Amino acid sequence: MKIKIKFFSLYKEAFGSNEMSLELYENEITVEKLINILASINTKFDKLIREFPPIILVNGLLLQKSDKIYEDSEVVIFPPASGGMLR
C-alpha cells in the first residue's frame, strides 16, 4: 500500500522535507506501527517523538495509536501545541 505523509514544525525539520510517500507491503497498518517505521528511518524523528509525542491526523481525522491506516491515506504528523504569550 502507498500512503502520503506530511510533516510539520520539528518533524519537518527532522526529515528535511514537508512530505514523503511510503510504500508498504501491508494492506493496513496501525498508527503506532507507522510511527515506529518512521522512527527507524530517521533517528532525529525518533528522538523528537520521545520528547514531543506527535498528533496524527489521517484523512483529516484525529487517530489513536491502535487505529488503522489504509491504502491511499494522507497522514499528517505534527507536534503538540506549545508556547504562546500570557497577557
PDB file of N, CA and C in Angstrom:
ATOM      1  N   MET A   1       0.840  -1.182   0.000  1.00  0.00           N
ATOM      2  CA  MET A   1       0.000   0.000   0.000  1.00  0.00           C
ATOM      3  C   MET A   1       0.881   1.240   0.000  1.00  0.00           C
ATOM      4  N   LYS A   2       0.339   2.314  -0.511  1.00  0.00           N
ATOM      5  CA  LYS A   2       1.080   3.570  -0.568  1.00  0.00           C
ATOM      6  C   LYS A   2       0.325   4.609   0.248  1.00  0.00           C
ATOM      7  N   ILE A   3       1.065   5.336   1.097  1.00  0.00           N
ATOM      8  CA  ILE A   3       0.462   6.414   1.878  1.00  0.00           C
ATOM      9  C   ILE A   3       1.307   7.677   1.730  1.00  0.00           C
ATOM     10  N   LYS A   4       0.641   8.807   1.835  1.00  0.00           N
ATOM     11  CA  LYS A   4       1.311  10.106   1.760  1.00  0.00           C
ATOM     12  C   LYS A   4       1.402  10.649   3.179  1.00  0.00           C
ATOM     13  N   ILE A   5       2.582  11.122   3.556  1.00  0.00           N
ATOM     14  CA  ILE A   5       2.811  11.631   4.905  1.00  0.00           C
ATOM     15  C   ILE A   5       3.266  13.085   4.810  1.00  0.00           C
ATOM     16  N   LYS A   6       2.616  13.950   5.596  1.00  0.00           N
ATOM     17  CA  LYS A   6       3.002  15.360   5.665  1.00  0.00           C
ATOM     18  C   LYS A   6       3.528  15.642   7.067  1.00  0.00           C
ATOM     19  N   PHE A   7       4.647  16.356   7.122  1.00  0.00           N
ATOM     20  CA  PHE A   7       5.288  16.707   8.393  1.00  0.00           C
ATOM     21  C   PHE A   7       5.201  18.208   8.630  1.00  0.00           C
ATOM     22  N   PHE A   8       5.071  18.582   9.900  1.00  0.00           N
ATOM     23  CA  PHE A   8       5.045  19.988  10.269  1.00  0.00           C
ATOM     24  C   PHE A   8       6.033  20.256  11.390  1.00  0.00           C
ATOM     25  N   SER A   9       6.475  21.498  11.451  1.00  0.00           N
ATOM     26  CA  SER A   9       7.297  22.017  12.535  1.00  0.00           C
ATOM     27  C   SER A   9       8.576  21.200  12.743  1.00  0.00           C
ATOM     28  N   LEU A  10       8.791  20.731  13.955  1.00  0.00           N
ATOM     29  CA  LEU A  10      10.016  19.994  14.305  1.00  0.00           C
ATOM     30  C   LEU A  10      10.203  18.743  13.454  1.00  0.00           C
ATOM     31  N   TYR A  11       9.112  18.084  13.147  1.00  0.00           N
ATOM     32  CA  TYR A  11       9.206  16.840  12.374  1.00  0.00           C
ATOM     33  C   TYR A  11       9.592  17.129  10.925  1.00  0.00           C
ATOM     34  N   LYS A  12       9.122  18.242  10.410  1.00  0.00           N
ATOM     35  CA  LYS A  12       9.514  18.676   9.064  1.00  0.00           C
ATOM     36  C   LYS A  12      11.022  18.915   9.025  1.00  0.00           C
ATOM     37  N   GLU A  13      11.538  19.569  10.053  1.00  0.00           N
ATOM     38  CA  GLU A  13      12.978  19.821  10.131  1.00  0.00           C
ATOM     39  C   GLU A  13      13.763  18.514  10.233  1.00  0.00           C
ATOM     40  N   ALA A  14      13.259  17.569  10.993  1.00  0.00           N
ATOM     41  CA  ALA A  14      13.955  16.286  11.165  1.00  0.00           C
ATOM     42  C   ALA A  14      14.075  15.539   9.842  1.00  0.00           C
ATOM     43  N   PHE A  15      13.013  15.565   9.038  1.00  0.00           N
ATOM     44  CA  PHE A  15      13.031  14.849   7.763  1.00  0.00           C
ATOM     45  C   PHE A  15      13.598  15.692   6.625  1.00  0.00           C
ATOM     46  N   GLY A  16      13.743  16.998   6.853  1.00  0.00           N
ATOM     47  CA  GLY A  16      14.276  17.860   5.806  1.00  0.00           C
ATOM     48  C   GLY A  16      13.311  18.052   4.653  1.00  0.00           C
ATOM     49  N   SER A  17      12.055  17.748   4.896  1.00  0.00           N
ATOM     50  CA  SER A  17      11.023  17.864   3.871  1.00  0.00           C
ATOM     51  C   SER A  17       9.668  17.951   4.556  1.00  0.00           C
ATOM     52  N   ASN A  18       8.718  18.538   3.861  1.00  0.00           N
ATOM     53  CA  ASN A  18       7.397  18.619   4.470  1.00  0.00           C
ATOM     54  C   ASN A  18       6.491  17.445   4.106  1.00  0.00           C
ATOM     55  N   GLU A  19       6.936  16.578   3.193  1.00  0.00           N
ATOM     56  CA  GLU A  19       6.133  15.394   2.895  1.00  0.00           C
ATOM     57  C   GLU A  19       6.961  14.292   2.258  1.00  0.00           C
ATOM     58  N   MET A  20       6.395  13.097   2.336  1.00  0.00           N
ATOM     59  CA  MET A  20       7.010  11.934   1.708  1.00  0.00           C
ATOM     60  C   MET A  20       5.924  10.915   1.404  1.00  0.00           C
ATOM     61  N   SER A  21       6.214  10.008   0.501  1.00  0.00           N
ATOM     62  CA  SER A  21       5.339   8.872   0.237  1.00  0.00           C
ATOM     63  C   SER A  21       6.037   7.632   0.754  1.00  0.00           C
ATOM     64  N   LEU A  22       5.250   6.708   1.262  1.00  0.00           N
ATOM     65  CA  LEU A  22       5.803   5.479   1.813  1.00  0.00           C
ATOM     66  C   LEU A  22       5.062   4.303   1.203  1.00  0.00           C
ATOM     67  N   GLU A  23       5.808   3.356   0.675  1.00  0.00           N
ATOM     68  CA  GLU A  23       5.246   2.148   0.076  1.00  0.00           C
ATOM     69  C   GLU A  23       5.448   1.003   1.064  1.00  0.00           C
ATOM     70  N   LEU A  24       4.354   0.361   1.452  1.00  0.00           N
ATOM     71  CA  LEU A  24       4.408  -0.730   2.421  1.00  0.00           C
ATOM     72  C   LEU A  24       3.790  -1.985   1.821  1.00  0.00           C
ATOM     73  N   TYR A  25       4.203  -3.144   2.335  1.00  0.00           N
ATOM     74  CA  TYR A  25       3.678  -4.405   1.822  1.00  0.00           C
ATOM     75  C   TYR A  25       2.329  -4.777   2.428  1.00  0.00           C
ATOM     76  N   GLU A  26       1.999  -4.196   3.578  1.00  0.00           N
ATOM     77  CA  GLU A  26       0.737  -4.496   4.239  1.00  0.00           C
ATOM     78  C   GLU A  26      -0.436  -3.796   3.545  1.00  0.00           C
ATOM     79  N   ASN A  27      -1.650  -4.313   3.766  1.00  0.00           N
ATOM     80  CA  ASN A  27      -2.863  -3.665   3.256  1.00  0.00           C
ATOM     81  C   ASN A  27      -3.411  -2.643   4.241  1.00  0.00           C
ATOM     82  N   GLU A  28      -2.954  -2.753   5.489  1.00  0.00           N
ATOM     83  CA  GLU A  28      -3.322  -1.813   6.536  1.00  0.00           C
ATOM     84  C   GLU A  28      -2.193  -1.789   7.552  1.00  0.00           C
ATOM     85  N   ILE A  29      -2.127  -0.711   8.307  1.00  0.00           N
ATOM     86  CA  ILE A  29      -1.069  -0.569   9.302  1.00  0.00           C
ATOM     87  C   ILE A  29      -1.624   0.289  10.438  1.00  0.00           C
ATOM     88  N   THR A  30      -1.200   0.023  11.653  1.00  0.00           N
ATOM     89  CA  THR A  30      -1.650   0.868  12.761  1.00  0.00           C
ATOM     90  C   THR A  30      -0.830   2.159  12.776  1.00  0.00           C
ATOM     91  N   VAL A  31      -1.393   3.160  13.398  1.00  0.00           N
ATOM     92  CA  VAL A  31      -0.690   4.433  13.558  1.00  0.00           C
ATOM     93  C   VAL A  31       0.622   4.196  14.300  1.00  0.00           C
ATOM     94  N   GLU A  32       0.572   3.389  15.344  1.00  0.00           N
ATOM     95  CA  GLU A  32       1.775   3.107  16.133  1.00  0.00           C
ATOM     96  C   GLU A  32       2.870   2.460  15.286  1.00  0.00           C
ATOM     97  N   LYS A  33       2.497   1.514  14.442  1.00  0.00           N
ATOM     98  CA  LYS A  33       3.496   0.850  13.599  1.00  0.00           C
ATOM     99  C   LYS A  33       4.095   1.834  12.586  1.00  0.00           C
ATOM    100  N   LEU A  34       3.273   2.703  12.035  1.00  0.00           N
ATOM    101  CA  LEU A  34       3.788   3.710  11.105  1.00  0.00           C
ATOM    102  C   LEU A  34       4.800   4.614  11.800  1.00  0.00           C
ATOM    103  N   ILE A  35       4.482   5.072  13.001  1.00  0.00           N
ATOM    104  CA  ILE A  35       5.402   5.932  13.748  1.00  0.00           C
ATOM    105  C   ILE A  35       6.708   5.190  14.030  1.00  0.00           C
ATOM    106  N   ASN A  36       6.613   3.916  14.372  1.00  0.00           N
ATOM    107  CA  ASN A  36       7.823   3.117  14.614  1.00  0.00           C
ATOM    108  C   ASN A  36       8.663   2.967  13.350  1.00  0.00           C
ATOM    109  N   ILE A  37       8.020   2.788  12.213  1.00  0.00           N
ATOM    110  CA  ILE A  37       8.744   2.690  10.938  1.00  0.00           C
ATOM    111  C   ILE A  37       9.464   4.010  10.648  1.00  0.00           C
ATOM    112  N   LEU A  38       8.754   5.120  10.810  1.00  0.00           N
ATOM    113  CA  LEU A  38       9.369   6.428  10.565  1.00  0.00           C
ATOM    114  C   LEU A  38      10.527   6.685  11.524  1.00  0.00           C
ATOM    115  N   ALA A  39      10.376   6.265  12.773  1.00  0.00           N
ATOM    116  CA  ALA A  39      11.453   6.429  13.765  1.00  0.00           C
ATOM    117  C   ALA A  39      12.668   5.596  13.393  1.00  0.00           C
ATOM    118  N   SER A  40      12.442   4.417  12.812  1.00  0.00           N
ATOM    119  CA  SER A  40      13.573   3.573  12.413  1.00  0.00           C
ATOM    120  C   SER A  40      14.281   4.129  11.178  1.00  0.00           C
ATOM    121  N   ILE A  41      13.566   4.891  10.375  1.00  0.00           N
ATOM    122  CA  ILE A  41      14.141   5.517   9.185  1.00  0.00           C
ATOM    123  C   ILE A  41      14.968   6.748   9.560  1.00  0.00           C
ATOM    124  N   ASN A  42      14.518   7.480  10.593  1.00  0.00           N
ATOM    125  CA  ASN A  42      15.111   8.779  10.904  1.00  0.00           C
ATOM    126  C   ASN A  42      15.350   8.914  12.410  1.00  0.00           C
ATOM    127  N   THR A  43      16.613   8.919  12.825  1.00  0.00           N
ATOM    128  CA  THR A  43      16.944   8.978  14.256  1.00  0.00           C
ATOM    129  C   THR A  43      16.567  10.318  14.896  1.00  0.00           C
ATOM    130  N   LYS A  44      16.615  11.408  14.131  1.00  0.00           N
ATOM    131  CA  LYS A  44      16.188  12.705  14.674  1.00  0.00           C
ATOM    132  C   LYS A  44      14.703  12.663  15.031  1.00  0.00           C
ATOM    133  N   PHE A  45      13.914  12.102  14.137  1.00  0.00           N
ATOM    134  CA  PHE A  45      12.480  11.957  14.382  1.00  0.00           C
ATOM    135  C   PHE A  45      12.244  11.074  15.604  1.00  0.00           C
ATOM    136  N   ASP A  46      12.989   9.992  15.704  1.00  0.00           N
ATOM    137  CA  ASP A  46      12.870   9.074  16.844  1.00  0.00           C
ATOM    138  C   ASP A  46      13.089   9.815  18.163  1.00  0.00           C
ATOM    139  N   LYS A  47      14.123  10.629  18.220  1.00  0.00           N
ATOM    140  CA  LYS A  47      14.408  11.390  19.446  1.00  0.00           C
ATOM    141  C   LYS A  47      13.318  12.425  19.730  1.00  0.00           C
ATOM    142  N   LEU A  48      12.854  13.093  18.697  1.00  0.00           N
ATOM    143  CA  LEU A  48      11.825  14.119  18.877  1.00  0.00           C
ATOM    144  C   LEU A  48      10.514  13.554  19.409  1.00  0.00           C
ATOM    145  N   ILE A  49      10.088  12.411  18.883  1.00  0.00           N
ATOM    146  CA  ILE A  49       8.789  11.872  19.306  1.00  0.00           C
ATOM    147  C   ILE A  49       8.804  11.399  20.754  1.00  0.00           C
ATOM    148  N   ARG A  50       9.987  11.118  21.285  1.00  0.00           N
ATOM    149  CA  ARG A  50      10.083  10.745  22.700  1.00  0.00           C
ATOM    150  C   ARG A  50       9.847  11.962  23.598  1.00  0.00           C
ATOM    151  N   GLU A  51      10.266  13.119  23.126  1.00  0.00           N
ATOM    152  CA  GLU A  51      10.091  14.350  23.899  1.00  0.00           C
ATOM    153  C   GLU A  51       8.770  15.053  23.575  1.00  0.00           C
ATOM    154  N   PHE A  52       8.378  14.985  22.319  1.00  0.00           N
ATOM    155  CA  PHE A  52       7.157  15.643  21.851  1.00  0.00           C
ATOM    156  C   PHE A  52       6.280  14.629  21.118  1.00  0.00           C
ATOM    157  N   PRO A  53       5.466  13.857  21.849  1.00  0.00           N
ATOM    158  CA  PRO A  53       4.622  12.839  21.196  1.00  0.00           C
ATOM    159  C   PRO A  53       3.751  13.478  20.104  1.00  0.00           C
ATOM    160  N   PRO A  54       3.764  12.898  18.912  1.00  0.00           N
ATOM    161  CA  PRO A  54       3.079  13.522  17.782  1.00  0.00           C
ATOM    162  C   PRO A  54       1.557  13.421  17.850  1.00  0.00           C
ATOM    163  N   ILE A  55       0.928  14.371  17.201  1.00  0.00           N
ATOM    164  CA  ILE A  55      -0.507  14.322  16.943  1.00  0.00           C
ATOM    165  C   ILE A  55      -0.641  13.836  15.507  1.00  0.00           C
ATOM    166  N   ILE A  56      -1.505  12.849  15.296  1.00  0.00           N
ATOM    167  CA  ILE A  56      -1.634  12.215  13.985  1.00  0.00           C
ATOM    168  C   ILE A  56      -3.048  12.412  13.442  1.00  0.00           C
ATOM    169  N   LEU A  57      -3.132  12.978  12.255  1.00  0.00           N
ATOM    170  CA  LEU A  57      -4.401  13.049  11.534  1.00  0.00           C
ATOM    171  C   LEU A  57      -4.283  12.149  10.313  1.00  0.00           C
ATOM    172  N   VAL A  58      -5.309  11.356  10.071  1.00  0.00           N
ATOM    173  CA  VAL A  58      -5.355  10.529   8.870  1.00  0.00           C
ATOM    174  C   VAL A  58      -6.637  10.883   8.129  1.00  0.00           C
ATOM    175  N   ASN A  59      -6.465  11.373   6.923  1.00  0.00           N
ATOM    176  CA  ASN A  59      -7.598  11.839   6.120  1.00  0.00           C
ATOM    177  C   ASN A  59      -8.455  12.831   6.907  1.00  0.00           C
ATOM    178  N   GLY A  60      -7.789  13.691   7.672  1.00  0.00           N
ATOM    179  CA  GLY A  60      -8.461  14.744   8.412  1.00  0.00           C
ATOM    180  C   GLY A  60      -9.036  14.351   9.761  1.00  0.00           C
ATOM    181  N   LEU A  61      -8.871  13.089  10.159  1.00  0.00           N
ATOM    182  CA  LEU A  61      -9.405  12.617  11.439  1.00  0.00           C
ATOM    183  C   LEU A  61      -8.286  12.356  12.432  1.00  0.00           C
ATOM    184  N   LEU A  62      -8.489  12.775  13.672  1.00  0.00           N
ATOM    185  CA  LEU A  62      -7.526  12.524  14.739  1.00  0.00           C
ATOM    186  C   LEU A  62      -7.595  11.049  15.122  1.00  0.00           C
ATOM    187  N   LEU A  63      -6.460  10.350  15.043  1.00  0.00           N
ATOM    188  CA  LEU A  63      -6.441   8.920  15.343  1.00  0.00           C
ATOM    189  C   LEU A  63      -5.582   8.607  16.556  1.00  0.00           C
ATOM    190  N   GLN A  64      -5.863   7.460  17.149  1.00  0.00           N
ATOM    191  CA  GLN A  64      -5.092   6.935  18.272  1.00  0.00           C
ATOM    192  C   GLN A  64      -4.072   5.923  17.743  1.00  0.00           C
ATOM    193  N   LYS A  65      -3.134   5.521  18.589  1.00  0.00           N
ATOM    194  CA  LYS A  65      -2.069   4.594  18.185  1.00  0.00           C
ATOM    195  C   LYS A  65      -2.588   3.278  17.619  1.00  0.00           C
ATOM    196  N   SER A  66      -3.696   2.786  18.144  1.00  0.00           N
ATOM    197  CA  SER A  66      -4.208   1.479  17.721  1.00  0.00           C
ATOM    198  C   SER A  66      -5.082   1.549  16.466  1.00  0.00           C
ATOM    199  N   ASP A  67      -5.427   2.750  16.019  1.00  0.00           N
ATOM    200  CA  ASP A  67      -6.259   2.899  14.820  1.00  0.00           C
ATOM    201  C   ASP A  67      -5.471   2.517  13.576  1.00  0.00           C
ATOM    202  N   LYS A  68      -6.198   2.120  12.529  1.00  0.00           N
ATOM    203  CA  LYS A  68      -5.551   1.622  11.313  1.00  0.00           C
ATOM    204  C   LYS A  68      -5.552   2.654  10.193  1.00  0.00           C
ATOM    205  N   ILE A  69      -4.517   2.545   9.378  1.00  0.00           N
ATOM    206  CA  ILE A  69      -4.333   3.383   8.199  1.00  0.00           C
ATOM    207  C   ILE A  69      -4.419   2.456   6.993  1.00  0.00           C
ATOM    208  N   TYR A  70      -5.106   2.915   5.941  1.00  0.00           N
ATOM    209  CA  TYR A  70      -5.315   2.084   4.760  1.00  0.00           C
ATOM    210  C   TYR A  70      -4.716   2.733   3.510  1.00  0.00           C
ATOM    211  N   GLU A  71      -4.741   1.990   2.426  1.00  0.00           N
ATOM    212  CA  GLU A  71      -4.224   2.413   1.122  1.00  0.00           C
ATOM    213  C   GLU A  71      -4.680   3.832   0.766  1.00  0.00           C
ATOM    214  N   ASP A  72      -3.763   4.600   0.205  1.00  0.00           N
ATOM    215  CA  ASP A  72      -4.017   5.957  -0.296  1.00  0.00           C
ATOM    216  C   ASP A  72      -4.435   6.962   0.770  1.00  0.00           C
ATOM    217  N   SER A  73      -4.131   6.673   2.022  1.00  0.00           N
ATOM    218  CA  SER A  73      -4.442   7.622   3.093  1.00  0.00           C
ATOM    219  C   SER A  73      -3.440   8.767   3.086  1.00  0.00           C
ATOM    220  N   GLU A  74      -3.885   9.914   3.584  1.00  0.00           N
ATOM    221  CA  GLU A  74      -2.987  11.039   3.801  1.00  0.00           C
ATOM    222  C   GLU A  74      -2.808  11.199   5.306  1.00  0.00           C
ATOM    223  N   VAL A  75      -1.572  11.089   5.747  1.00  0.00           N
ATOM    224  CA  VAL A  75      -1.236  11.169   7.166  1.00  0.00           C
ATOM    225  C   VAL A  75      -0.550  12.504   7.423  1.00  0.00           C
ATOM    226  N   VAL A  76      -1.011  13.219   8.439  1.00  0.00           N
ATOM    227  CA  VAL A  76      -0.404  14.488   8.827  1.00  0.00           C
ATOM    228  C   VAL A  76       0.142  14.317  10.236  1.00  0.00           C
ATOM    229  N   ILE A  77       1.425  14.648  10.408  1.00  0.00           N
ATOM    230  CA  ILE A  77       2.094  14.463  11.699  1.00  0.00           C
ATOM    231  C   ILE A  77       2.620  15.813  12.180  1.00  0.00           C
ATOM    232  N   PHE A  78       2.167  16.223  13.370  1.00  0.00           N
ATOM    233  CA  PHE A  78       2.680  17.472  13.924  1.00  0.00           C
ATOM    234  C   PHE A  78       2.810  17.368  15.436  1.00  0.00           C
ATOM    235  N   PRO A  79       3.703  18.173  16.016  1.00  0.00           N
ATOM    236  CA  PRO A  79       3.916  18.116  17.465  1.00  0.00           C
ATOM    237  C   PRO A  79       2.768  18.790  18.205  1.00  0.00           C
ATOM    238  N   PRO A  80       2.648  18.501  19.491  1.00  0.00           N
ATOM    239  CA  PRO A  80       1.606  19.157  20.278  1.00  0.00           C
ATOM    240  C   PRO A  80       1.844  20.665  20.325  1.00  0.00           C
ATOM    241  N   ALA A  81       0.772  21.407  20.447  1.00  0.00           N
ATOM    242  CA  ALA A  81       0.874  22.867  20.528  1.00  0.00           C
ATOM    243  C   ALA A  81       1.565  23.264  21.825  1.00  0.00           C
ATOM    244  N   SER A  82       2.369  24.299  21.737  1.00  0.00           N
ATOM    245  CA  SER A  82       3.045  24.798  22.936  1.00  0.00           C
ATOM    246  C   SER A  82       3.379  26.267  22.730  1.00  0.00           C
ATOM    247  N   GLY A  83       3.797  26.878  23.808  1.00  0.00           N
ATOM    248  CA  GLY A  83       4.236  28.264  23.706  1.00  0.00           C
ATOM    249  C   GLY A  83       3.085  29.239  23.791  1.00  0.00           C
ATOM    250  N   GLY A  84       3.308  30.388  23.254  1.00  0.00           N
ATOM    251  CA  GLY A  84       2.311  31.442  23.329  1.00  0.00           C
ATOM    252  C   GLY A  84       2.692  32.459  24.390  1.00  0.00           C
ATOM    253  N   MET A  85       1.910  33.488  24.500  1.00  0.00           N
ATOM    254  CA  MET A  85       2.185  34.553  25.454  1.00  0.00           C
ATOM    255  C   MET A  85       0.994  34.761  26.361  1.00  0.00           C
ATOM    256  N   LEU A  86       1.283  34.957  27.616  1.00  0.00           N
ATOM    257  CA  LEU A  86       0.246  35.338  28.562  1.00  0.00           C
ATOM    258  C   LEU A  86       0.163  36.848  28.595  1.00  0.00           C
ATOM    259  N   ARG A  87      -1.020  37.367  28.724  1.00  0.00           N
ATOM    260  CA  ARG A  87      -1.188  38.830  28.778  1.00  0.00           C
ATOM    261  C   ARG A  87      -1.725  39.223  30.109  1.00  0.00           C
TER     262      ARG A  87
END
